[in-house]
Every structure is written in C-alpha cells, then in structure tokens.
C-alpha cells in the first residue's frame, strides 16, 4: 500500500522525488561556503559540482524552500539530486 504524502500537488511531487532518492540510498552534501555539492550512492561514482554549477543547485534549492516553506533543505536537495543520479547512473 502506498503511503500518502501530505501537501500541495507540487510539494507532494517534490517529496516523492526525495523519497525515491532516499530509497536509492542517495545522499547529498552541500557546502555553501566552498560552493560545492556532492551527490553519492553506494556503488556509484560521486557526482561533484563546484563553482557556478554548485551555486545553481543551491539557488534552485533555495527557490524551492522559499516558495514551499514546509520543505526542509534536505528534502529539496534530495529531490533535486534524484534526476542527476537517474541520468548519470542509469
């Protein structure tokens, strides 16, 4: 039976993406001071971003969490990381 995820349609979609990332054991490490983002999963090569690319990821996360205040940073980060992982690790 599928668990119902609360929220608006948009936040449900974002949370579902984050849940898919968690189920795939994806982790995201964001270091804003060094402008780096690392996306990892067991058995996969790390996806590492720095500079403008990392800042774009961070900015996109901030847009989501500002628009949908009920989202935590880590949820937005996982949701944003999932498509990277799907495209590069599939």
PDB file of N, CA and C in Angstrom:
ATOM      1  N   UNK A   1       0.835  -1.170   0.000  1.00  0.00           N
ATOM      2  CA  UNK A   1       0.000   0.000   0.000  1.00  0.00           C
ATOM      3  C   UNK A   1       0.888   1.244   0.000  1.00  0.00           C
ATOM      4  N   UNK A   2       0.588   2.179  -0.840  1.00  0.00           N
ATOM      5  CA  UNK A   2       1.367   3.406  -0.965  1.00  0.00           C
ATOM      6  C   UNK A   2       1.026   4.377   0.161  1.00  0.00           C
ATOM      7  N   UNK A   3       2.070   4.975   0.698  1.00  0.00           N
ATOM      8  CA  UNK A   3       1.898   5.969   1.746  1.00  0.00           C
ATOM      9  C   UNK A   3       1.455   7.283   1.114  1.00  0.00           C
ATOM     10  N   UNK A   4       0.488   7.945   1.729  1.00  0.00           N
ATOM     11  CA  UNK A   4       0.044   9.239   1.240  1.00  0.00           C
ATOM     12  C   UNK A   4       0.973  10.313   1.779  1.00  0.00           C
ATOM     13  N   UNK A   5       1.497  11.130   0.881  1.00  0.00           N
ATOM     14  CA  UNK A   5       2.396  12.207   1.260  1.00  0.00           C
ATOM     15  C   UNK A   5       1.586  13.489   1.308  1.00  0.00           C
ATOM     16  N   UNK A   6       1.611  14.175   2.462  1.00  0.00           N
ATOM     17  CA  UNK A   6       0.797  15.386   2.598  1.00  0.00           C
ATOM     18  C   UNK A   6       1.357  16.563   1.810  1.00  0.00           C
ATOM     19  N   UNK A   7       0.512  17.554   1.570  1.00  0.00           N
ATOM     20  CA  UNK A   7       0.951  18.794   0.937  1.00  0.00           C
ATOM     21  C   UNK A   7       0.206  19.074  -0.345  1.00  0.00           C
ATOM     22  N   UNK A   8       0.623  20.154  -0.989  1.00  0.00           N
ATOM     23  CA  UNK A   8       0.052  20.512  -2.279  1.00  0.00           C
ATOM     24  C   UNK A   8       0.561  19.536  -3.330  1.00  0.00           C
ATOM     25  N   UNK A   9       0.036  19.623  -4.515  1.00  0.00           N
ATOM     26  CA  UNK A   9       0.492  18.746  -5.593  1.00  0.00           C
ATOM     27  C   UNK A   9       1.993  18.912  -5.839  1.00  0.00           C
ATOM     28  N   UNK A  10       2.445  20.145  -5.829  1.00  0.00           N
ATOM     29  CA  UNK A  10       3.871  20.417  -6.063  1.00  0.00           C
ATOM     30  C   UNK A  10       4.735  19.850  -4.939  1.00  0.00           C
ATOM     31  N   UNK A  11       4.345  20.087  -3.696  1.00  0.00           N
ATOM     32  CA  UNK A  11       5.173  19.585  -2.595  1.00  0.00           C
ATOM     33  C   UNK A  11       5.115  18.066  -2.506  1.00  0.00           C
ATOM     34  N   UNK A  12       3.983  17.484  -2.859  1.00  0.00           N
ATOM     35  CA  UNK A  12       3.906  16.013  -2.886  1.00  0.00           C
ATOM     36  C   UNK A  12       4.876  15.460  -3.914  1.00  0.00           C
ATOM     37  N   UNK A  13       4.919  16.083  -5.096  1.00  0.00           N
ATOM     38  CA  UNK A  13       5.844  15.637  -6.139  1.00  0.00           C
ATOM     39  C   UNK A  13       7.296  15.757  -5.663  1.00  0.00           C
ATOM     40  N   UNK A  14       7.630  16.881  -5.045  1.00  0.00           N
ATOM     41  CA  UNK A  14       8.990  17.098  -4.548  1.00  0.00           C
ATOM     42  C   UNK A  14       9.332  16.062  -3.485  1.00  0.00           C
ATOM     43  N   UNK A  15       8.406  15.824  -2.575  1.00  0.00           N
ATOM     44  CA  UNK A  15       8.651  14.826  -1.523  1.00  0.00           C
ATOM     45  C   UNK A  15       8.757  13.415  -2.090  1.00  0.00           C
ATOM     46  N   UNK A  16       7.970  13.115  -3.114  1.00  0.00           N
ATOM     47  CA  UNK A  16       8.078  11.802  -3.766  1.00  0.00           C
ATOM     48  C   UNK A  16       9.445  11.628  -4.416  1.00  0.00           C
ATOM     49  N   UNK A  17       9.943  12.686  -5.067  1.00  0.00           N
ATOM     50  CA  UNK A  17      11.291  12.631  -5.658  1.00  0.00           C
ATOM     51  C   UNK A  17      12.336  12.401  -4.569  1.00  0.00           C
ATOM     52  N   UNK A  18      12.198  13.098  -3.453  1.00  0.00           N
ATOM     53  CA  UNK A  18      13.131  12.927  -2.336  1.00  0.00           C
ATOM     54  C   UNK A  18      13.053  11.508  -1.781  1.00  0.00           C
ATOM     55  N   UNK A  19      11.854  10.973  -1.703  1.00  0.00           N
ATOM     56  CA  UNK A  19      11.673   9.605  -1.217  1.00  0.00           C
ATOM     57  C   UNK A  19      12.329   8.596  -2.165  1.00  0.00           C
ATOM     58  N   UNK A  20      12.201   8.818  -3.463  1.00  0.00           N
ATOM     59  CA  UNK A  20      12.872   7.945  -4.437  1.00  0.00           C
ATOM     60  C   UNK A  20      14.393   7.994  -4.234  1.00  0.00           C
ATOM     61  N   UNK A  21      14.895   9.196  -4.001  1.00  0.00           N
ATOM     62  CA  UNK A  21      16.330   9.351  -3.763  1.00  0.00           C
ATOM     63  C   UNK A  21      16.740   8.600  -2.495  1.00  0.00           C
ATOM     64  N   UNK A  22      15.972   8.749  -1.431  1.00  0.00           N
ATOM     65  CA  UNK A  22      16.282   8.039  -0.189  1.00  0.00           C
ATOM     66  C   UNK A  22      16.229   6.537  -0.389  1.00  0.00           C
ATOM     67  N   UNK A  23      15.231   6.056  -1.103  1.00  0.00           N
ATOM     68  CA  UNK A  23      15.105   4.622  -1.362  1.00  0.00           C
ATOM     69  C   UNK A  23      16.272   4.093  -2.183  1.00  0.00           C
ATOM     70  N   UNK A  24      16.878   4.967  -2.982  1.00  0.00           N
ATOM     71  CA  UNK A  24      18.061   4.601  -3.765  1.00  0.00           C
ATOM     72  C   UNK A  24      19.346   4.825  -2.969  1.00  0.00           C
ATOM     73  N   UNK A  25      19.188   5.230  -1.719  1.00  0.00           N
ATOM     74  CA  UNK A  25      20.307   5.488  -0.800  1.00  0.00           C
ATOM     75  C   UNK A  25      21.222   6.601  -1.299  1.00  0.00           C
ATOM     76  N   UNK A  26      20.616   7.580  -1.934  1.00  0.00           N
ATOM     77  CA  UNK A  26      21.348   8.760  -2.405  1.00  0.00           C
ATOM     78  C   UNK A  26      21.520   9.718  -1.230  1.00  0.00           C
ATOM     79  N   UNK A  27      22.711  10.279  -1.133  1.00  0.00           N
ATOM     80  CA  UNK A  27      22.973  11.313  -0.137  1.00  0.00           C
ATOM     81  C   UNK A  27      23.472  12.562  -0.850  1.00  0.00           C
ATOM     82  N   UNK A  28      23.209  13.703  -0.243  1.00  0.00           N
ATOM     83  CA  UNK A  28      23.632  14.980  -0.820  1.00  0.00           C
ATOM     84  C   UNK A  28      24.367  15.755   0.264  1.00  0.00           C
ATOM     85  N   UNK A  29      25.545  16.240  -0.081  1.00  0.00           N
ATOM     86  CA  UNK A  29      26.316  17.078   0.836  1.00  0.00           C
ATOM     87  C   UNK A  29      26.530  18.426   0.163  1.00  0.00           C
ATOM     88  N   UNK A  30      25.983  19.471   0.773  1.00  0.00           N
ATOM     89  CA  UNK A  30      26.103  20.826   0.244  1.00  0.00           C
ATOM     90  C   UNK A  30      26.983  21.633   1.190  1.00  0.00           C
ATOM     91  N   UNK A  31      28.008  22.250   0.638  1.00  0.00           N
ATOM     92  CA  UNK A  31      28.861  23.158   1.412  1.00  0.00           C
ATOM     93  C   UNK A  31      28.796  24.518   0.736  1.00  0.00           C
ATOM     94  N   UNK A  32      27.947  25.372   1.286  1.00  0.00           N
ATOM     95  CA  UNK A  32      27.737  26.688   0.676  1.00  0.00           C
ATOM     96  C   UNK A  32      28.964  27.573   0.755  1.00  0.00           C
ATOM     97  N   UNK A  33      29.761  27.443   1.810  1.00  0.00           N
ATOM     98  CA  UNK A  33      30.927  28.314   1.957  1.00  0.00           C
ATOM     99  C   UNK A  33      31.982  28.031   0.889  1.00  0.00           C
ATOM    100  N   UNK A  34      32.095  26.774   0.456  1.00  0.00           N
ATOM    101  CA  UNK A  34      33.040  26.421  -0.614  1.00  0.00           C
ATOM    102  C   UNK A  34      32.367  26.266  -1.967  1.00  0.00           C
ATOM    103  N   UNK A  35      31.061  26.489  -2.022  1.00  0.00           N
ATOM    104  CA  UNK A  35      30.267  26.315  -3.236  1.00  0.00           C
ATOM    105  C   UNK A  35      30.509  24.940  -3.857  1.00  0.00           C
ATOM    106  N   UNK A  36      30.232  23.893  -3.062  1.00  0.00           N
ATOM    107  CA  UNK A  36      30.352  22.527  -3.572  1.00  0.00           C
ATOM    108  C   UNK A  36      29.092  21.739  -3.235  1.00  0.00           C
ATOM    109  N   UNK A  37      28.796  20.790  -4.104  1.00  0.00           N
ATOM    110  CA  UNK A  37      27.697  19.851  -3.901  1.00  0.00           C
ATOM    111  C   UNK A  37      28.214  18.480  -4.311  1.00  0.00           C
ATOM    112  N   UNK A  38      27.994  17.498  -3.445  1.00  0.00           N
ATOM    113  CA  UNK A  38      28.372  16.130  -3.751  1.00  0.00           C
ATOM    114  C   UNK A  38      27.136  15.245  -3.625  1.00  0.00           C
ATOM    115  N   UNK A  39      26.871  14.466  -4.661  1.00  0.00           N
ATOM    116  CA  UNK A  39      25.749  13.529  -4.672  1.00  0.00           C
ATOM    117  C   UNK A  39      26.353  12.136  -4.723  1.00  0.00           C
ATOM    118  N   UNK A  40      25.989  11.301  -3.753  1.00  0.00           N
ATOM    119  CA  UNK A  40      26.603   9.984  -3.629  1.00  0.00           C
ATOM    120  C   UNK A  40      25.546   8.909  -3.426  1.00  0.00           C
ATOM    121  N   UNK A  41      25.932   7.689  -3.799  1.00  0.00           N
ATOM    122  CA  UNK A  41      25.134   6.498  -3.518  1.00  0.00           C
ATOM    123  C   UNK A  41      26.103   5.318  -3.495  1.00  0.00           C
ATOM    124  N   UNK A  42      25.809   4.321  -2.679  1.00  0.00           N
ATOM    125  CA  UNK A  42      26.694   3.160  -2.607  1.00  0.00           C
ATOM    126  C   UNK A  42      26.894   2.514  -3.977  1.00  0.00           C
ATOM    127  N   UNK A  43      28.148   2.226  -4.305  1.00  0.00           N
ATOM    128  CA  UNK A  43      28.462   1.554  -5.559  1.00  0.00           C
ATOM    129  C   UNK A  43      28.473   2.440  -6.785  1.00  0.00           C
ATOM    130  N   UNK A  44      28.288   3.737  -6.599  1.00  0.00           N
ATOM    131  CA  UNK A  44      28.260   4.664  -7.729  1.00  0.00           C
ATOM    132  C   UNK A  44      29.369   5.700  -7.588  1.00  0.00           C
ATOM    133  N   UNK A  45      29.833   6.204  -8.716  1.00  0.00           N
ATOM    134  CA  UNK A  45      30.814   7.273  -8.708  1.00  0.00           C
ATOM    135  C   UNK A  45      30.129   8.568  -8.257  1.00  0.00           C
ATOM    136  N   UNK A  46      30.799   9.318  -7.402  1.00  0.00           N
ATOM    137  CA  UNK A  46      30.222  10.560  -6.886  1.00  0.00           C
ATOM    138  C   UNK A  46      29.986  11.565  -8.005  1.00  0.00           C
ATOM    139  N   UNK A  47      28.927  12.324  -7.845  1.00  0.00           N
ATOM    140  CA  UNK A  47      28.664  13.462  -8.721  1.00  0.00           C
ATOM    141  C   UNK A  47      29.097  14.684  -7.923  1.00  0.00           C
ATOM    142  N   UNK A  48      30.081  15.399  -8.430  1.00  0.00           N
ATOM    143  CA  UNK A  48      30.636  16.531  -7.695  1.00  0.00           C
ATOM    144  C   UNK A  48      30.469  17.793  -8.515  1.00  0.00           C
ATOM    145  N   UNK A  49      29.915  18.812  -7.875  1.00  0.00           N
ATOM    146  CA  UNK A  49      29.741  20.110  -8.524  1.00  0.00           C
ATOM    147  C   UNK A  49      30.464  21.157  -7.697  1.00  0.00           C
ATOM    148  N   UNK A  50      30.993  22.144  -8.387  1.00  0.00           N
ATOM    149  CA  UNK A  50      31.611  23.267  -7.682  1.00  0.00           C
ATOM    150  C   UNK A  50      31.400  24.540  -8.485  1.00  0.00           C
ATOM    151  N   UNK A  51      31.663  25.661  -7.834  1.00  0.00           N
ATOM    152  CA  UNK A  51      31.529  26.948  -8.512  1.00  0.00           C
ATOM    153  C   UNK A  51      30.113  27.234  -8.953  1.00  0.00           C
ATOM    154  N   UNK A  52      29.979  27.720 -10.192  1.00  0.00           N
ATOM    155  CA  UNK A  52      28.664  28.130 -10.708  1.00  0.00           C
ATOM    156  C   UNK A  52      27.659  26.991 -10.735  1.00  0.00           C
ATOM    157  N   UNK A  53      28.106  25.803 -11.109  1.00  0.00           N
ATOM    158  CA  UNK A  53      27.196  24.659 -11.176  1.00  0.00           C
ATOM    159  C   UNK A  53      26.625  24.339  -9.790  1.00  0.00           C
ATOM    160  N   UNK A  54      27.492  24.333  -8.788  1.00  0.00           N
ATOM    161  CA  UNK A  54      27.036  24.089  -7.419  1.00  0.00           C
ATOM    162  C   UNK A  54      26.133  25.219  -6.942  1.00  0.00           C
ATOM    163  N   UNK A  55      26.497  26.449  -7.259  1.00  0.00           N
ATOM    164  CA  UNK A  55      25.680  27.590  -6.840  1.00  0.00           C
ATOM    165  C   UNK A  55      24.303  27.540  -7.474  1.00  0.00           C
ATOM    166  N   UNK A  56      24.221  27.100  -8.728  1.00  0.00           N
ATOM    167  CA  UNK A  56      22.916  26.940  -9.377  1.00  0.00           C
ATOM    168  C   UNK A  56      22.058  25.921  -8.626  1.00  0.00           C
ATOM    169  N   UNK A  57      22.662  24.806  -8.205  1.00  0.00           N
ATOM    170  CA  UNK A  57      21.958  23.783  -7.439  1.00  0.00           C
ATOM    171  C   UNK A  57      21.466  24.377  -6.121  1.00  0.00           C
ATOM    172  N   UNK A  58      22.342  25.102  -5.424  1.00  0.00           N
ATOM    173  CA  UNK A  58      21.992  25.722  -4.143  1.00  0.00           C
ATOM    174  C   UNK A  58      20.876  26.759  -4.337  1.00  0.00           C
ATOM    175  N   UNK A  59      20.995  27.561  -5.370  1.00  0.00           N
ATOM    176  CA  UNK A  59      19.961  28.568  -5.652  1.00  0.00           C
ATOM    177  C   UNK A  59      18.617  27.916  -5.943  1.00  0.00           C
ATOM    178  N   UNK A  60      18.640  26.831  -6.691  1.00  0.00           N
ATOM    179  CA  UNK A  60      17.397  26.124  -7.012  1.00  0.00           C
ATOM    180  C   UNK A  60      16.768  25.551  -5.742  1.00  0.00           C
ATOM    181  N   UNK A  61      17.597  25.005  -4.861  1.00  0.00           N
ATOM    182  CA  UNK A  61      17.099  24.515  -3.576  1.00  0.00           C
ATOM    183  C   UNK A  61      16.449  25.657  -2.796  1.00  0.00           C
ATOM    184  N   UNK A  62      17.125  26.807  -2.770  1.00  0.00           N
ATOM    185  CA  UNK A  62      16.606  27.949  -2.028  1.00  0.00           C
ATOM    186  C   UNK A  62      15.286  28.460  -2.605  1.00  0.00           C
ATOM    187  N   UNK A  63      15.153  28.429  -3.921  1.00  0.00           N
ATOM    188  CA  UNK A  63      13.888  28.822  -4.559  1.00  0.00           C
ATOM    189  C   UNK A  63      12.768  27.892  -4.107  1.00  0.00           C
ATOM    190  N   UNK A  64      13.036  26.588  -4.098  1.00  0.00           N
ATOM    191  CA  UNK A  64      12.008  25.626  -3.682  1.00  0.00           C
ATOM    192  C   UNK A  64      11.606  25.827  -2.226  1.00  0.00           C
ATOM    193  N   UNK A  65      12.596  25.976  -1.351  1.00  0.00           N
ATOM    194  CA  UNK A  65      12.273  26.089   0.075  1.00  0.00           C
ATOM    195  C   UNK A  65      11.640  27.439   0.419  1.00  0.00           C
ATOM    196  N   UNK A  66      11.928  28.450  -0.373  1.00  0.00           N
ATOM    197  CA  UNK A  66      11.278  29.750  -0.149  1.00  0.00           C
ATOM    198  C   UNK A  66       9.836  29.713  -0.663  1.00  0.00           C
ATOM    199  N   UNK A  67       9.647  29.094  -1.822  1.00  0.00           N
ATOM    200  CA  UNK A  67       8.299  29.017  -2.394  1.00  0.00           C
ATOM    201  C   UNK A  67       7.399  28.079  -1.596  1.00  0.00           C
ATOM    202  N   UNK A  68       8.003  26.991  -1.089  1.00  0.00           N
ATOM    203  CA  UNK A  68       7.255  25.997  -0.309  1.00  0.00           C
ATOM    204  C   UNK A  68       7.901  25.884   1.074  1.00  0.00           C
ATOM    205  N   UNK A  69       7.553  26.772   1.991  1.00  0.00           N
ATOM    206  CA  UNK A  69       8.209  26.827   3.300  1.00  0.00           C
ATOM    207  C   UNK A  69       8.122  25.531   4.116  1.00  0.00           C
ATOM    208  N   UNK A  70       7.178  24.665   3.786  1.00  0.00           N
ATOM    209  CA  UNK A  70       7.070  23.400   4.525  1.00  0.00           C
ATOM    210  C   UNK A  70       8.183  22.418   4.158  1.00  0.00           C
ATOM    211  N   UNK A  71       8.915  22.695   3.079  1.00  0.00           N
ATOM    212  CA  UNK A  71      10.020  21.811   2.666  1.00  0.00           C
ATOM    213  C   UNK A  71      11.285  22.136   3.443  1.00  0.00           C
ATOM    214  N   UNK A  72      11.934  21.103   3.922  1.00  0.00           N
ATOM    215  CA  UNK A  72      13.249  21.257   4.536  1.00  0.00           C
ATOM    216  C   UNK A  72      14.303  21.288   3.441  1.00  0.00           C
ATOM    217  N   UNK A  73      15.430  21.911   3.729  1.00  0.00           N
ATOM    218  CA  UNK A  73      16.525  21.959   2.752  1.00  0.00           C
ATOM    219  C   UNK A  73      16.891  20.567   2.249  1.00  0.00           C
ATOM    220  N   UNK A  74      17.021  19.611   3.178  1.00  0.00           N
ATOM    221  CA  UNK A  74      17.478  18.277   2.791  1.00  0.00           C
ATOM    222  C   UNK A  74      16.486  17.582   1.852  1.00  0.00           C
ATOM    223  N   UNK A  75      15.198  17.866   2.005  1.00  0.00           N
ATOM    224  CA  UNK A  75      14.185  17.277   1.118  1.00  0.00           C
ATOM    225  C   UNK A  75      14.344  17.861  -0.287  1.00  0.00           C
ATOM    226  N   UNK A  76      14.484  19.175  -0.368  1.00  0.00           N
ATOM    227  CA  UNK A  76      14.677  19.821  -1.668  1.00  0.00           C
ATOM    228  C   UNK A  76      15.973  19.341  -2.324  1.00  0.00           C
ATOM    229  N   UNK A  77      17.035  19.188  -1.541  1.00  0.00           N
ATOM    230  CA  UNK A  77      18.312  18.721  -2.091  1.00  0.00           C
ATOM    231  C   UNK A  77      18.197  17.318  -2.657  1.00  0.00           C
ATOM    232  N   UNK A  78      17.545  16.422  -1.925  1.00  0.00           N
ATOM    233  CA  UNK A  78      17.361  15.058  -2.438  1.00  0.00           C
ATOM    234  C   UNK A  78      16.503  15.047  -3.698  1.00  0.00           C
ATOM    235  N   UNK A  79      15.444  15.842  -3.698  1.00  0.00           N
ATOM    236  CA  UNK A  79      14.566  15.900  -4.869  1.00  0.00           C
ATOM    237  C   UNK A  79      15.314  16.422  -6.083  1.00  0.00           C
ATOM    238  N   UNK A  80      16.144  17.422  -5.887  1.00  0.00           N
ATOM    239  CA  UNK A  80      16.932  17.974  -6.996  1.00  0.00           C
ATOM    240  C   UNK A  80      18.036  17.015  -7.436  1.00  0.00           C
ATOM    241  N   UNK A  81      18.572  16.249  -6.509  1.00  0.00           N
ATOM    242  CA  UNK A  81      19.663  15.322  -6.829  1.00  0.00           C
ATOM    243  C   UNK A  81      19.181  14.103  -7.607  1.00  0.00           C
ATOM    244  N   UNK A  82      17.946  13.701  -7.384  1.00  0.00           N
ATOM    245  CA  UNK A  82      17.456  12.465  -7.999  1.00  0.00           C
ATOM    246  C   UNK A  82      17.588  12.443  -9.526  1.00  0.00           C
ATOM    247  N   UNK A  83      17.199  13.496 -10.237  1.00  0.00           N
ATOM    248  CA  UNK A  83      17.368  13.459 -11.702  1.00  0.00           C
ATOM    249  C   UNK A  83      18.836  13.365 -12.141  1.00  0.00           C
ATOM    250  N   UNK A  84      19.738  14.013 -11.411  1.00  0.00           N
ATOM    251  CA  UNK A  84      21.165  13.874 -11.730  1.00  0.00           C
ATOM    252  C   UNK A  84      21.569  12.403 -11.655  1.00  0.00           C
ATOM    253  N   UNK A  85      21.186  11.759 -10.549  1.00  0.00           N
ATOM    254  CA  UNK A  85      21.547  10.362 -10.348  1.00  0.00           C
ATOM    255  C   UNK A  85      20.922   9.463 -11.416  1.00  0.00           C
ATOM    256  N   UNK A  86      19.663   9.691 -11.697  1.00  0.00           N
ATOM    257  CA  UNK A  86      18.979   8.876 -12.707  1.00  0.00           C
ATOM    258  C   UNK A  86      19.650   8.993 -14.074  1.00  0.00           C
ATOM    259  N   UNK A  87      20.037  10.209 -14.448  1.00  0.00           N
ATOM    260  CA  UNK A  87      20.646  10.422 -15.760  1.00  0.00           C
ATOM    261  C   UNK A  87      22.076   9.890 -15.845  1.00  0.00           C
ATOM    262  N   UNK A  88      22.831  10.029 -14.770  1.00  0.00           N
ATOM    263  CA  UNK A  88      24.242   9.665 -14.829  1.00  0.00           C
ATOM    264  C   UNK A  88      24.521   8.236 -14.407  1.00  0.00           C
ATOM    265  N   UNK A  89      23.667   7.661 -13.584  1.00  0.00           N
ATOM    266  CA  UNK A  89      23.924   6.312 -13.081  1.00  0.00           C
ATOM    267  C   UNK A  89      23.069   5.257 -13.746  1.00  0.00           C
ATOM    268  N   UNK A  90      22.181   5.639 -14.628  1.00  0.00           N
ATOM    269  CA  UNK A  90      21.302   4.632 -15.273  1.00  0.00           C
ATOM    270  C   UNK A  90      21.981   4.023 -16.475  1.00  0.00           C
TER     271      UNK A  90
END
